[in-house]
Amino acid sequence: SLALVFSTFSILSVGFLVASLVPTARFAQPIGTVVLYPMLGLSGLFVP
């Protein structure tokens, strides 16, 4: 649980930067998805 909270705290900083720049709510979800979800495939979660 501590590792998850720590990881979330760190990765939220990526959200800081995106949130600081995204102009409107219309673009928030698409831009956030494009930035974050491609990381899943390269993070070692599915393939080492």
ModelCIF file with pLDDT and N, C-alpha, C, O atoms, coordinates in Angstrom:
data_MODEL
#
_entry.id   MODEL 
#
_entity.id                         1 
_entity.type                       polymer 
_entity.pdbx_number_of_molecules   1 
#
_entity_poly.entity_id                      1 
_entity_poly.type                           'polypeptide(L)' 
_entity_poly.nstd_linkage                   no 
_entity_poly.nstd_monomer                   no 
_entity_poly.pdbx_seq_one_letter_code       SLALVFSTFSILSVGFLVASLVPTARFAQPIGTVVLYPMLGLSGLFVP 
_entity_poly.pdbx_seq_one_letter_code_can   SLALVFSTFSILSVGFLVASLVPTARFAQPIGTVVLYPMLGLSGLFVP 
_entity_poly.pdbx_strand_id                 A 
#
loop_
_entity_poly_seq.entity_id 
_entity_poly_seq.num 
_entity_poly_seq.mon_id 
_entity_poly_seq.hetero 
1 1  SER n 
1 2  LEU n 
1 3  ALA n 
1 4  LEU n 
1 5  VAL n 
1 6  PHE n 
1 7  SER n 
1 8  THR n 
1 9  PHE n 
1 10 SER n 
1 11 ILE n 
1 12 LEU n 
1 13 SER n 
1 14 VAL n 
1 15 GLY n 
1 16 PHE n 
1 17 LEU n 
1 18 VAL n 
1 19 ALA n 
1 20 SER n 
1 21 LEU n 
1 22 VAL n 
1 23 PRO n 
1 24 THR n 
1 25 ALA n 
1 26 ARG n 
1 27 PHE n 
1 28 ALA n 
1 29 GLN n 
1 30 PRO n 
1 31 ILE n 
1 32 GLY n 
1 33 THR n 
1 34 VAL n 
1 35 VAL n 
1 36 LEU n 
1 37 TYR n 
1 38 PRO n 
1 39 MET n 
1 40 LEU n 
1 41 GLY n 
1 42 LEU n 
1 43 SER n 
1 44 GLY n 
1 45 LEU n 
1 46 PHE n 
1 47 VAL n 
1 48 PRO n 
#
_struct_asym.id          A 
_struct_asym.entity_id   1 
#
loop_
_ma_qa_metric.id 
_ma_qa_metric.mode 
_ma_qa_metric.name 
_ma_qa_metric.software_group_id 
_ma_qa_metric.type 
1 global pLDDT . pLDDT 
2 local  pLDDT . pLDDT 
#
_ma_qa_metric_global.metric_id      1 
_ma_qa_metric_global.metric_value   81.92 
_ma_qa_metric_global.model_id       1 
_ma_qa_metric_global.ordinal_id     1 
#
loop_
_ma_qa_metric_local.label_asym_id 
_ma_qa_metric_local.label_comp_id 
_ma_qa_metric_local.label_seq_id 
_ma_qa_metric_local.metric_id 
_ma_qa_metric_local.metric_value 
_ma_qa_metric_local.model_id 
_ma_qa_metric_local.ordinal_id 
A SER 1  2 83.00 1 1  
A LEU 2  2 87.00 1 2  
A ALA 3  2 88.00 1 3  
A LEU 4  2 84.00 1 4  
A VAL 5  2 84.00 1 5  
A PHE 6  2 89.00 1 6  
A SER 7  2 88.00 1 7  
A THR 8  2 85.00 1 8  
A PHE 9  2 84.00 1 9  
A SER 10 2 87.00 1 10 
A ILE 11 2 86.00 1 11 
A LEU 12 2 84.00 1 12 
A SER 13 2 85.00 1 13 
A VAL 14 2 86.00 1 14 
A GLY 15 2 83.00 1 15 
A PHE 16 2 80.00 1 16 
A LEU 17 2 84.00 1 17 
A VAL 18 2 84.00 1 18 
A ALA 19 2 81.00 1 19 
A SER 20 2 80.00 1 20 
A LEU 21 2 80.00 1 21 
A VAL 22 2 80.00 1 22 
A PRO 23 2 74.00 1 23 
A THR 24 2 77.00 1 24 
A ALA 25 2 74.00 1 25 
A ARG 26 2 78.00 1 26 
A PHE 27 2 78.00 1 27 
A ALA 28 2 79.00 1 28 
A GLN 29 2 77.00 1 29 
A PRO 30 2 82.00 1 30 
A ILE 31 2 83.00 1 31 
A GLY 32 2 81.00 1 32 
A THR 33 2 82.00 1 33 
A VAL 34 2 83.00 1 34 
A VAL 35 2 81.00 1 35 
A LEU 36 2 81.00 1 36 
A TYR 37 2 81.00 1 37 
A PRO 38 2 81.00 1 38 
A MET 39 2 83.00 1 39 
A LEU 40 2 80.00 1 40 
A GLY 41 2 81.00 1 41 
A LEU 42 2 83.00 1 42 
A SER 43 2 83.00 1 43 
A GLY 44 2 81.00 1 44 
A LEU 45 2 79.00 1 45 
A PHE 46 2 77.00 1 46 
A VAL 47 2 79.00 1 47 
A PRO 48 2 82.00 1 48 
#
loop_
_atom_site.group_PDB 
_atom_site.id 
_atom_site.type_symbol 
_atom_site.label_atom_id 
_atom_site.label_alt_id 
_atom_site.label_comp_id 
_atom_site.label_asym_id 
_atom_site.label_entity_id 
_atom_site.label_seq_id 
_atom_site.pdbx_PDB_ins_code 
_atom_site.Cartn_x 
_atom_site.Cartn_y 
_atom_site.Cartn_z 
_atom_site.occupancy 
_atom_site.B_iso_or_equiv 
_atom_site.pdbx_formal_charge 
_atom_site.auth_seq_id 
_atom_site.auth_comp_id 
_atom_site.auth_asym_id 
_atom_site.auth_atom_id 
_atom_site.pdbx_PDB_model_num 
ATOM 1   N N  . SER A 1 1  ? 0.833   -1.202 0.000   1.00 83.00 ? 1  SER A N  1 
ATOM 2   C CA . SER A 1 1  ? 0.000   0.000  0.000   1.00 83.00 ? 1  SER A CA 1 
ATOM 3   C C  . SER A 1 1  ? 0.869   1.254  0.000   1.00 83.00 ? 1  SER A C  1 
ATOM 4   O O  . SER A 1 1  ? 0.578   2.223  -0.701  1.00 83.00 ? 1  SER A O  1 
ATOM 5   N N  . LEU A 1 2  ? 1.930   1.225  0.788   1.00 87.00 ? 2  LEU A N  1 
ATOM 6   C CA . LEU A 1 2  ? 2.851   2.355  0.830   1.00 87.00 ? 2  LEU A CA 1 
ATOM 7   C C  . LEU A 1 2  ? 3.528   2.556  -0.520  1.00 87.00 ? 2  LEU A C  1 
ATOM 8   O O  . LEU A 1 2  ? 3.710   3.689  -0.965  1.00 87.00 ? 2  LEU A O  1 
ATOM 9   N N  . ALA A 1 3  ? 3.902   1.448  -1.175  1.00 88.00 ? 3  ALA A N  1 
ATOM 10  C CA . ALA A 1 3  ? 4.530   1.530  -2.493  1.00 88.00 ? 3  ALA A CA 1 
ATOM 11  C C  . ALA A 1 3  ? 3.561   2.101  -3.526  1.00 88.00 ? 3  ALA A C  1 
ATOM 12  O O  . ALA A 1 3  ? 3.959   2.874  -4.397  1.00 88.00 ? 3  ALA A O  1 
ATOM 13  N N  . LEU A 1 4  ? 2.285   1.716  -3.423  1.00 84.00 ? 4  LEU A N  1 
ATOM 14  C CA . LEU A 1 4  ? 1.296   2.229  -4.369  1.00 84.00 ? 4  LEU A CA 1 
ATOM 15  C C  . LEU A 1 4  ? 1.073   3.722  -4.171  1.00 84.00 ? 4  LEU A C  1 
ATOM 16  O O  . LEU A 1 4  ? 1.031   4.474  -5.145  1.00 84.00 ? 4  LEU A O  1 
ATOM 17  N N  . VAL A 1 5  ? 0.930   4.162  -2.923  1.00 84.00 ? 5  VAL A N  1 
ATOM 18  C CA . VAL A 1 5  ? 0.733   5.589  -2.651  1.00 84.00 ? 5  VAL A CA 1 
ATOM 19  C C  . VAL A 1 5  ? 1.958   6.380  -3.102  1.00 84.00 ? 5  VAL A C  1 
ATOM 20  O O  . VAL A 1 5  ? 1.826   7.458  -3.682  1.00 84.00 ? 5  VAL A O  1 
ATOM 21  N N  . PHE A 1 6  ? 3.148   5.846  -2.837  1.00 89.00 ? 6  PHE A N  1 
ATOM 22  C CA . PHE A 1 6  ? 4.384   6.517  -3.255  1.00 89.00 ? 6  PHE A CA 1 
ATOM 23  C C  . PHE A 1 6  ? 4.449   6.622  -4.782  1.00 89.00 ? 6  PHE A C  1 
ATOM 24  O O  . PHE A 1 6  ? 4.789   7.676  -5.319  1.00 89.00 ? 6  PHE A O  1 
ATOM 25  N N  . SER A 1 7  ? 4.125   5.528  -5.479  1.00 88.00 ? 7  SER A N  1 
ATOM 26  C CA . SER A 1 7  ? 4.141   5.529  -6.946  1.00 88.00 ? 7  SER A CA 1 
ATOM 27  C C  . SER A 1 7  ? 3.121   6.505  -7.505  1.00 88.00 ? 7  SER A C  1 
ATOM 28  O O  . SER A 1 7  ? 3.402   7.242  -8.450  1.00 88.00 ? 7  SER A O  1 
ATOM 29  N N  . THR A 1 8  ? 1.926   6.502  -6.910  1.00 85.00 ? 8  THR A N  1 
ATOM 30  C CA . THR A 1 8  ? 0.884   7.431  -7.351  1.00 85.00 ? 8  THR A CA 1 
ATOM 31  C C  . THR A 1 8  ? 1.332   8.874  -7.150  1.00 85.00 ? 8  THR A C  1 
ATOM 32  O O  . THR A 1 8  ? 1.132   9.720  -8.021  1.00 85.00 ? 8  THR A O  1 
ATOM 33  N N  . PHE A 1 9  ? 1.935   9.148  -6.006  1.00 84.00 ? 9  PHE A N  1 
ATOM 34  C CA . PHE A 1 9  ? 2.427   10.492 -5.695  1.00 84.00 ? 9  PHE A CA 1 
ATOM 35  C C  . PHE A 1 9  ? 3.425   10.950 -6.743  1.00 84.00 ? 9  PHE A C  1 
ATOM 36  O O  . PHE A 1 9  ? 3.402   12.105 -7.171  1.00 84.00 ? 9  PHE A O  1 
ATOM 37  N N  . SER A 1 10 ? 4.305   10.040 -7.158  1.00 87.00 ? 10 SER A N  1 
ATOM 38  C CA . SER A 1 10 ? 5.319   10.395 -8.149  1.00 87.00 ? 10 SER A CA 1 
ATOM 39  C C  . SER A 1 10 ? 4.705   10.613 -9.529  1.00 87.00 ? 10 SER A C  1 
ATOM 40  O O  . SER A 1 10 ? 4.996   11.612 -10.187 1.00 87.00 ? 10 SER A O  1 
ATOM 41  N N  . ILE A 1 11 ? 3.857   9.683  -9.968  1.00 86.00 ? 11 ILE A N  1 
ATOM 42  C CA . ILE A 1 11 ? 3.302   9.764  -11.322 1.00 86.00 ? 11 ILE A CA 1 
ATOM 43  C C  . ILE A 1 11 ? 2.282   10.889 -11.430 1.00 86.00 ? 11 ILE A C  1 
ATOM 44  O O  . ILE A 1 11 ? 2.031   11.391 -12.526 1.00 86.00 ? 11 ILE A O  1 
ATOM 45  N N  . LEU A 1 12 ? 1.690   11.291 -10.307 1.00 84.00 ? 12 LEU A N  1 
ATOM 46  C CA . LEU A 1 12 ? 0.805   12.457 -10.339 1.00 84.00 ? 12 LEU A CA 1 
ATOM 47  C C  . LEU A 1 12 ? 1.538   13.700 -10.814 1.00 84.00 ? 12 LEU A C  1 
ATOM 48  O O  . LEU A 1 12 ? 0.919   14.619 -11.351 1.00 84.00 ? 12 LEU A O  1 
ATOM 49  N N  . SER A 1 13 ? 2.857   13.737 -10.622 1.00 85.00 ? 13 SER A N  1 
ATOM 50  C CA . SER A 1 13 ? 3.624   14.902 -11.076 1.00 85.00 ? 13 SER A CA 1 
ATOM 51  C C  . SER A 1 13 ? 3.574   15.027 -12.595 1.00 85.00 ? 13 SER A C  1 
ATOM 52  O O  . SER A 1 13 ? 3.635   16.132 -13.134 1.00 85.00 ? 13 SER A O  1 
ATOM 53  N N  . VAL A 1 14 ? 3.463   13.875 -13.292 1.00 86.00 ? 14 VAL A N  1 
ATOM 54  C CA . VAL A 1 14 ? 3.272   13.931 -14.744 1.00 86.00 ? 14 VAL A CA 1 
ATOM 55  C C  . VAL A 1 14 ? 1.928   14.592 -15.040 1.00 86.00 ? 14 VAL A C  1 
ATOM 56  O O  . VAL A 1 14 ? 1.798   15.398 -15.961 1.00 86.00 ? 14 VAL A O  1 
ATOM 57  N N  . GLY A 1 15 ? 0.932   14.225 -14.228 1.00 83.00 ? 15 GLY A N  1 
ATOM 58  C CA . GLY A 1 15 ? -0.372  14.870 -14.371 1.00 83.00 ? 15 GLY A CA 1 
ATOM 59  C C  . GLY A 1 15 ? -0.306  16.359 -14.072 1.00 83.00 ? 15 GLY A C  1 
ATOM 60  O O  . GLY A 1 15 ? -1.033  17.145 -14.681 1.00 83.00 ? 15 GLY A O  1 
ATOM 61  N N  . PHE A 1 16 ? 0.574   16.765 -13.123 1.00 80.00 ? 16 PHE A N  1 
ATOM 62  C CA . PHE A 1 16 ? 0.764   18.193 -12.842 1.00 80.00 ? 16 PHE A CA 1 
ATOM 63  C C  . PHE A 1 16 ? 1.082   18.948 -14.133 1.00 80.00 ? 16 PHE A C  1 
ATOM 64  O O  . PHE A 1 16 ? 0.470   19.965 -14.460 1.00 80.00 ? 16 PHE A O  1 
ATOM 65  N N  . LEU A 1 17 ? 2.075   18.398 -14.855 1.00 84.00 ? 17 LEU A N  1 
ATOM 66  C CA . LEU A 1 17 ? 2.553   19.095 -16.045 1.00 84.00 ? 17 LEU A CA 1 
ATOM 67  C C  . LEU A 1 17 ? 1.472   19.162 -17.118 1.00 84.00 ? 17 LEU A C  1 
ATOM 68  O O  . LEU A 1 17 ? 1.245   20.216 -17.712 1.00 84.00 ? 17 LEU A O  1 
ATOM 69  N N  . VAL A 1 18 ? 0.806   18.035 -17.364 1.00 84.00 ? 18 VAL A N  1 
ATOM 70  C CA . VAL A 1 18 ? -0.255  18.020 -18.369 1.00 84.00 ? 18 VAL A CA 1 
ATOM 71  C C  . VAL A 1 18 ? -1.382  18.956 -17.947 1.00 84.00 ? 18 VAL A C  1 
ATOM 72  O O  . VAL A 1 18 ? -1.893  19.723 -18.763 1.00 84.00 ? 18 VAL A O  1 
ATOM 73  N N  . ALA A 1 19 ? -1.772  18.895 -16.671 1.00 81.00 ? 19 ALA A N  1 
ATOM 74  C CA . ALA A 1 19 ? -2.855  19.745 -16.173 1.00 81.00 ? 19 ALA A CA 1 
ATOM 75  C C  . ALA A 1 19 ? -2.487  21.223 -16.236 1.00 81.00 ? 19 ALA A C  1 
ATOM 76  O O  . ALA A 1 19 ? -3.357  22.079 -16.393 1.00 81.00 ? 19 ALA A O  1 
ATOM 77  N N  . SER A 1 20 ? -1.206  21.516 -16.113 1.00 80.00 ? 20 SER A N  1 
ATOM 78  C CA . SER A 1 20 ? -0.757  22.904 -16.152 1.00 80.00 ? 20 SER A CA 1 
ATOM 79  C C  . SER A 1 20 ? -0.850  23.500 -17.550 1.00 80.00 ? 20 SER A C  1 
ATOM 80  O O  . SER A 1 20 ? -0.876  24.720 -17.711 1.00 80.00 ? 20 SER A O  1 
ATOM 81  N N  . LEU A 1 21 ? -0.901  22.628 -18.569 1.00 80.00 ? 21 LEU A N  1 
ATOM 82  C CA . LEU A 1 21 ? -0.847  23.100 -19.947 1.00 80.00 ? 21 LEU A CA 1 
ATOM 83  C C  . LEU A 1 21 ? -2.137  22.916 -20.723 1.00 80.00 ? 21 LEU A C  1 
ATOM 84  O O  . LEU A 1 21 ? -2.419  23.697 -21.633 1.00 80.00 ? 21 LEU A O  1 
ATOM 85  N N  . VAL A 1 22 ? -2.937  21.895 -20.386 1.00 80.00 ? 22 VAL A N  1 
ATOM 86  C CA . VAL A 1 22 ? -4.155  21.618 -21.151 1.00 80.00 ? 22 VAL A CA 1 
ATOM 87  C C  . VAL A 1 22 ? -5.129  22.786 -20.992 1.00 80.00 ? 22 VAL A C  1 
ATOM 88  O O  . VAL A 1 22 ? -5.462  23.157 -19.866 1.00 80.00 ? 22 VAL A O  1 
ATOM 89  N N  . PRO A 1 23 ? -5.591  23.370 -22.099 1.00 74.00 ? 23 PRO A N  1 
ATOM 90  C CA . PRO A 1 23 ? -6.405  24.577 -21.994 1.00 74.00 ? 23 PRO A CA 1 
ATOM 91  C C  . PRO A 1 23 ? -7.849  24.333 -21.568 1.00 74.00 ? 23 PRO A C  1 
ATOM 92  O O  . PRO A 1 23 ? -8.399  25.110 -20.787 1.00 74.00 ? 23 PRO A O  1 
ATOM 93  N N  . THR A 1 24 ? -8.477  23.257 -22.073 1.00 77.00 ? 24 THR A N  1 
ATOM 94  C CA . THR A 1 24 ? -9.895  23.032 -21.798 1.00 77.00 ? 24 THR A CA 1 
ATOM 95  C C  . THR A 1 24 ? -10.150 21.581 -21.422 1.00 77.00 ? 24 THR A C  1 
ATOM 96  O O  . THR A 1 24 ? -9.339  20.696 -21.691 1.00 77.00 ? 24 THR A O  1 
ATOM 97  N N  . ALA A 1 25 ? -11.309 21.360 -20.788 1.00 74.00 ? 25 ALA A N  1 
ATOM 98  C CA . ALA A 1 25 ? -11.688 20.010 -20.373 1.00 74.00 ? 25 ALA A CA 1 
ATOM 99  C C  . ALA A 1 25 ? -11.904 19.101 -21.578 1.00 74.00 ? 25 ALA A C  1 
ATOM 100 O O  . ALA A 1 25 ? -11.756 17.884 -21.472 1.00 74.00 ? 25 ALA A O  1 
ATOM 101 N N  . ARG A 1 26 ? -12.252 19.680 -22.713 1.00 78.00 ? 26 ARG A N  1 
ATOM 102 C CA . ARG A 1 26 ? -12.495 18.880 -23.917 1.00 78.00 ? 26 ARG A CA 1 
ATOM 103 C C  . ARG A 1 26 ? -11.251 18.099 -24.335 1.00 78.00 ? 26 ARG A C  1 
ATOM 104 O O  . ARG A 1 26 ? -11.351 16.983 -24.844 1.00 78.00 ? 26 ARG A O  1 
ATOM 105 N N  . PHE A 1 27 ? -10.081 18.694 -24.116 1.00 78.00 ? 27 PHE A N  1 
ATOM 106 C CA . PHE A 1 27 ? -8.838  18.049 -24.520 1.00 78.00 ? 27 PHE A CA 1 
ATOM 107 C C  . PHE A 1 27 ? -8.165  17.287 -23.382 1.00 78.00 ? 27 PHE A C  1 
ATOM 108 O O  . PHE A 1 27 ? -7.192  16.569 -23.612 1.00 78.00 ? 27 PHE A O  1 
ATOM 109 N N  . ALA A 1 28 ? -8.665  17.434 -22.173 1.00 79.00 ? 28 ALA A N  1 
ATOM 110 C CA . ALA A 1 28 ? -7.980  16.857 -21.017 1.00 79.00 ? 28 ALA A CA 1 
ATOM 111 C C  . ALA A 1 28 ? -7.886  15.340 -21.093 1.00 79.00 ? 28 ALA A C  1 
ATOM 112 O O  . ALA A 1 28 ? -6.792  14.783 -21.011 1.00 79.00 ? 28 ALA A O  1 
ATOM 113 N N  . GLN A 1 29 ? -9.026  14.665 -21.248 1.00 77.00 ? 29 GLN A N  1 
ATOM 114 C CA . GLN A 1 29 ? -9.029  13.213 -21.269 1.00 77.00 ? 29 GLN A CA 1 
ATOM 115 C C  . GLN A 1 29 ? -8.250  12.649 -22.457 1.00 77.00 ? 29 GLN A C  1 
ATOM 116 O O  . GLN A 1 29 ? -7.432  11.751 -22.259 1.00 77.00 ? 29 GLN A O  1 
ATOM 117 N N  . PRO A 1 30 ? -8.469  13.142 -23.701 1.00 82.00 ? 30 PRO A N  1 
ATOM 118 C CA . PRO A 1 30 ? -7.695  12.601 -24.833 1.00 82.00 ? 30 PRO A CA 1 
ATOM 119 C C  . PRO A 1 30 ? -6.189  12.781 -24.669 1.00 82.00 ? 30 PRO A C  1 
ATOM 120 O O  . PRO A 1 30 ? -5.421  11.853 -24.921 1.00 82.00 ? 30 PRO A O  1 
ATOM 121 N N  . ILE A 1 31 ? -5.766  13.969 -24.250 1.00 83.00 ? 31 ILE A N  1 
ATOM 122 C CA . ILE A 1 31 ? -4.335  14.215 -24.103 1.00 83.00 ? 31 ILE A CA 1 
ATOM 123 C C  . ILE A 1 31 ? -3.765  13.366 -22.970 1.00 83.00 ? 31 ILE A C  1 
ATOM 124 O O  . ILE A 1 31 ? -2.696  12.773 -23.114 1.00 83.00 ? 31 ILE A O  1 
ATOM 125 N N  . GLY A 1 32 ? -4.470  13.309 -21.850 1.00 81.00 ? 32 GLY A N  1 
ATOM 126 C CA . GLY A 1 32 ? -4.017  12.484 -20.737 1.00 81.00 ? 32 GLY A CA 1 
ATOM 127 C C  . GLY A 1 32 ? -3.918  11.021 -21.116 1.00 81.00 ? 32 GLY A C  1 
ATOM 128 O O  . GLY A 1 32 ? -2.973  10.336 -20.726 1.00 81.00 ? 32 GLY A O  1 
ATOM 129 N N  . THR A 1 33 ? -4.894  10.537 -21.877 1.00 82.00 ? 33 THR A N  1 
ATOM 130 C CA . THR A 1 33 ? -4.882  9.139  -22.317 1.00 82.00 ? 33 THR A CA 1 
ATOM 131 C C  . THR A 1 33 ? -3.711  8.862  -23.243 1.00 82.00 ? 33 THR A C  1 
ATOM 132 O O  . THR A 1 33 ? -3.032  7.845  -23.105 1.00 82.00 ? 33 THR A O  1 
ATOM 133 N N  . VAL A 1 34 ? -3.472  9.774  -24.195 1.00 83.00 ? 34 VAL A N  1 
ATOM 134 C CA . VAL A 1 34 ? -2.366  9.594  -25.144 1.00 83.00 ? 34 VAL A CA 1 
ATOM 135 C C  . VAL A 1 34 ? -1.025  9.613  -24.426 1.00 83.00 ? 34 VAL A C  1 
ATOM 136 O O  . VAL A 1 34 ? -0.107  8.890  -24.813 1.00 83.00 ? 34 VAL A O  1 
ATOM 137 N N  . VAL A 1 35 ? -0.900  10.433 -23.385 1.00 81.00 ? 35 VAL A N  1 
ATOM 138 C CA . VAL A 1 35 ? 0.364   10.530 -22.648 1.00 81.00 ? 35 VAL A CA 1 
ATOM 139 C C  . VAL A 1 35 ? 0.583   9.318  -21.756 1.00 81.00 ? 35 VAL A C  1 
ATOM 140 O O  . VAL A 1 35 ? 1.694   8.793  -21.687 1.00 81.00 ? 35 VAL A O  1 
ATOM 141 N N  . LEU A 1 36 ? -0.471  8.864  -21.069 1.00 81.00 ? 36 LEU A N  1 
ATOM 142 C CA . LEU A 1 36 ? -0.309  7.883  -20.004 1.00 81.00 ? 36 LEU A CA 1 
ATOM 143 C C  . LEU A 1 36 ? -0.439  6.435  -20.450 1.00 81.00 ? 36 LEU A C  1 
ATOM 144 O O  . LEU A 1 36 ? 0.400   5.608  -20.093 1.00 81.00 ? 36 LEU A O  1 
ATOM 145 N N  . TYR A 1 37 ? -1.463  6.111  -21.216 1.00 81.00 ? 37 TYR A N  1 
ATOM 146 C CA . TYR A 1 37 ? -1.748  4.704  -21.471 1.00 81.00 ? 37 TYR A CA 1 
ATOM 147 C C  . TYR A 1 37 ? -0.736  3.984  -22.351 1.00 81.00 ? 37 TYR A C  1 
ATOM 148 O O  . TYR A 1 37 ? -0.547  2.781  -22.167 1.00 81.00 ? 37 TYR A O  1 
ATOM 149 N N  . PRO A 1 38 ? -0.068  4.652  -23.308 1.00 81.00 ? 38 PRO A N  1 
ATOM 150 C CA . PRO A 1 38 ? 1.001   3.942  -24.031 1.00 81.00 ? 38 PRO A CA 1 
ATOM 151 C C  . PRO A 1 38 ? 2.108   3.426  -23.117 1.00 81.00 ? 38 PRO A C  1 
ATOM 152 O O  . PRO A 1 38 ? 2.822   2.489  -23.475 1.00 81.00 ? 38 PRO A O  1 
ATOM 153 N N  . MET A 1 39 ? 2.258   4.040  -21.925 1.00 83.00 ? 39 MET A N  1 
ATOM 154 C CA . MET A 1 39 ? 3.275   3.567  -20.984 1.00 83.00 ? 39 MET A CA 1 
ATOM 155 C C  . MET A 1 39 ? 3.013   2.137  -20.529 1.00 83.00 ? 39 MET A C  1 
ATOM 156 O O  . MET A 1 39 ? 3.945   1.414  -20.176 1.00 83.00 ? 39 MET A O  1 
ATOM 157 N N  . LEU A 1 40 ? 1.747   1.728  -20.535 1.00 80.00 ? 40 LEU A N  1 
ATOM 158 C CA . LEU A 1 40 ? 1.401   0.396  -20.048 1.00 80.00 ? 40 LEU A CA 1 
ATOM 159 C C  . LEU A 1 40 ? 2.128   -0.696 -20.815 1.00 80.00 ? 40 LEU A C  1 
ATOM 160 O O  . LEU A 1 40 ? 2.605   -1.671 -20.233 1.00 80.00 ? 40 LEU A O  1 
ATOM 161 N N  . GLY A 1 41 ? 2.208   -0.519 -22.142 1.00 81.00 ? 41 GLY A N  1 
ATOM 162 C CA . GLY A 1 41 ? 2.803   -1.551 -22.973 1.00 81.00 ? 41 GLY A CA 1 
ATOM 163 C C  . GLY A 1 41 ? 4.308   -1.688 -22.814 1.00 81.00 ? 41 GLY A C  1 
ATOM 164 O O  . GLY A 1 41 ? 4.874   -2.729 -23.146 1.00 81.00 ? 41 GLY A O  1 
ATOM 165 N N  . LEU A 1 42 ? 4.966   -0.639 -22.305 1.00 83.00 ? 42 LEU A N  1 
ATOM 166 C CA . LEU A 1 42 ? 6.423   -0.645 -22.192 1.00 83.00 ? 42 LEU A CA 1 
ATOM 167 C C  . LEU A 1 42 ? 6.907   -0.675 -20.755 1.00 83.00 ? 42 LEU A C  1 
ATOM 168 O O  . LEU A 1 42 ? 8.111   -0.595 -20.512 1.00 83.00 ? 42 LEU A O  1 
ATOM 169 N N  . SER A 1 43 ? 6.001   -0.787 -19.801 1.00 83.00 ? 43 SER A N  1 
ATOM 170 C CA . SER A 1 43 ? 6.365   -0.663 -18.394 1.00 83.00 ? 43 SER A CA 1 
ATOM 171 C C  . SER A 1 43 ? 6.856   -1.960 -17.771 1.00 83.00 ? 43 SER A C  1 
ATOM 172 O O  . SER A 1 43 ? 7.272   -1.968 -16.612 1.00 83.00 ? 43 SER A O  1 
ATOM 173 N N  . GLY A 1 44 ? 6.815   -3.059 -18.523 1.00 81.00 ? 44 GLY A N  1 
ATOM 174 C CA . GLY A 1 44 ? 7.196   -4.349 -17.959 1.00 81.00 ? 44 GLY A CA 1 
ATOM 175 C C  . GLY A 1 44 ? 6.032   -5.068 -17.322 1.00 81.00 ? 44 GLY A C  1 
ATOM 176 O O  . GLY A 1 44 ? 6.212   -6.112 -16.696 1.00 81.00 ? 44 GLY A O  1 
ATOM 177 N N  . LEU A 1 45 ? 4.841   -4.524 -17.473 1.00 79.00 ? 45 LEU A N  1 
ATOM 178 C CA . LEU A 1 45 ? 3.656   -5.129 -16.877 1.00 79.00 ? 45 LEU A CA 1 
ATOM 179 C C  . LEU A 1 45 ? 3.228   -6.374 -17.641 1.00 79.00 ? 45 LEU A C  1 
ATOM 180 O O  . LEU A 1 45 ? 2.842   -7.375 -17.038 1.00 79.00 ? 45 LEU A O  1 
ATOM 181 N N  . PHE A 1 46 ? 3.297   -6.313 -18.950 1.00 77.00 ? 46 PHE A N  1 
ATOM 182 C CA . PHE A 1 46 ? 2.877   -7.436 -19.788 1.00 77.00 ? 46 PHE A CA 1 
ATOM 183 C C  . PHE A 1 46 ? 4.065   -8.199 -20.371 1.00 77.00 ? 46 PHE A C  1 
ATOM 184 O O  . PHE A 1 46 ? 4.041   -9.426 -20.475 1.00 77.00 ? 46 PHE A O  1 
ATOM 185 N N  . VAL A 1 47 ? 5.098   -7.456 -20.747 1.00 79.00 ? 47 VAL A N  1 
ATOM 186 C CA . VAL A 1 47 ? 6.311   -8.050 -21.319 1.00 79.00 ? 47 VAL A CA 1 
ATOM 187 C C  . VAL A 1 47 ? 7.496   -7.509 -20.536 1.00 79.00 ? 47 VAL A C  1 
ATOM 188 O O  . VAL A 1 47 ? 7.609   -6.294 -20.372 1.00 79.00 ? 47 VAL A O  1 
ATOM 189 N N  . PRO A 1 48 ? 8.395   -8.382 -20.042 1.00 82.00 ? 48 PRO A N  1 
ATOM 190 C CA . PRO A 1 48 ? 9.568   -7.887 -19.311 1.00 82.00 ? 48 PRO A CA 1 
ATOM 191 C C  . PRO A 1 48 ? 10.359  -6.878 -20.140 1.00 82.00 ? 48 PRO A C  1 
ATOM 192 O O  . PRO A 1 48 ? 11.376  -6.361 -19.677 1.00 82.00 ? 48 PRO A O  1 
#
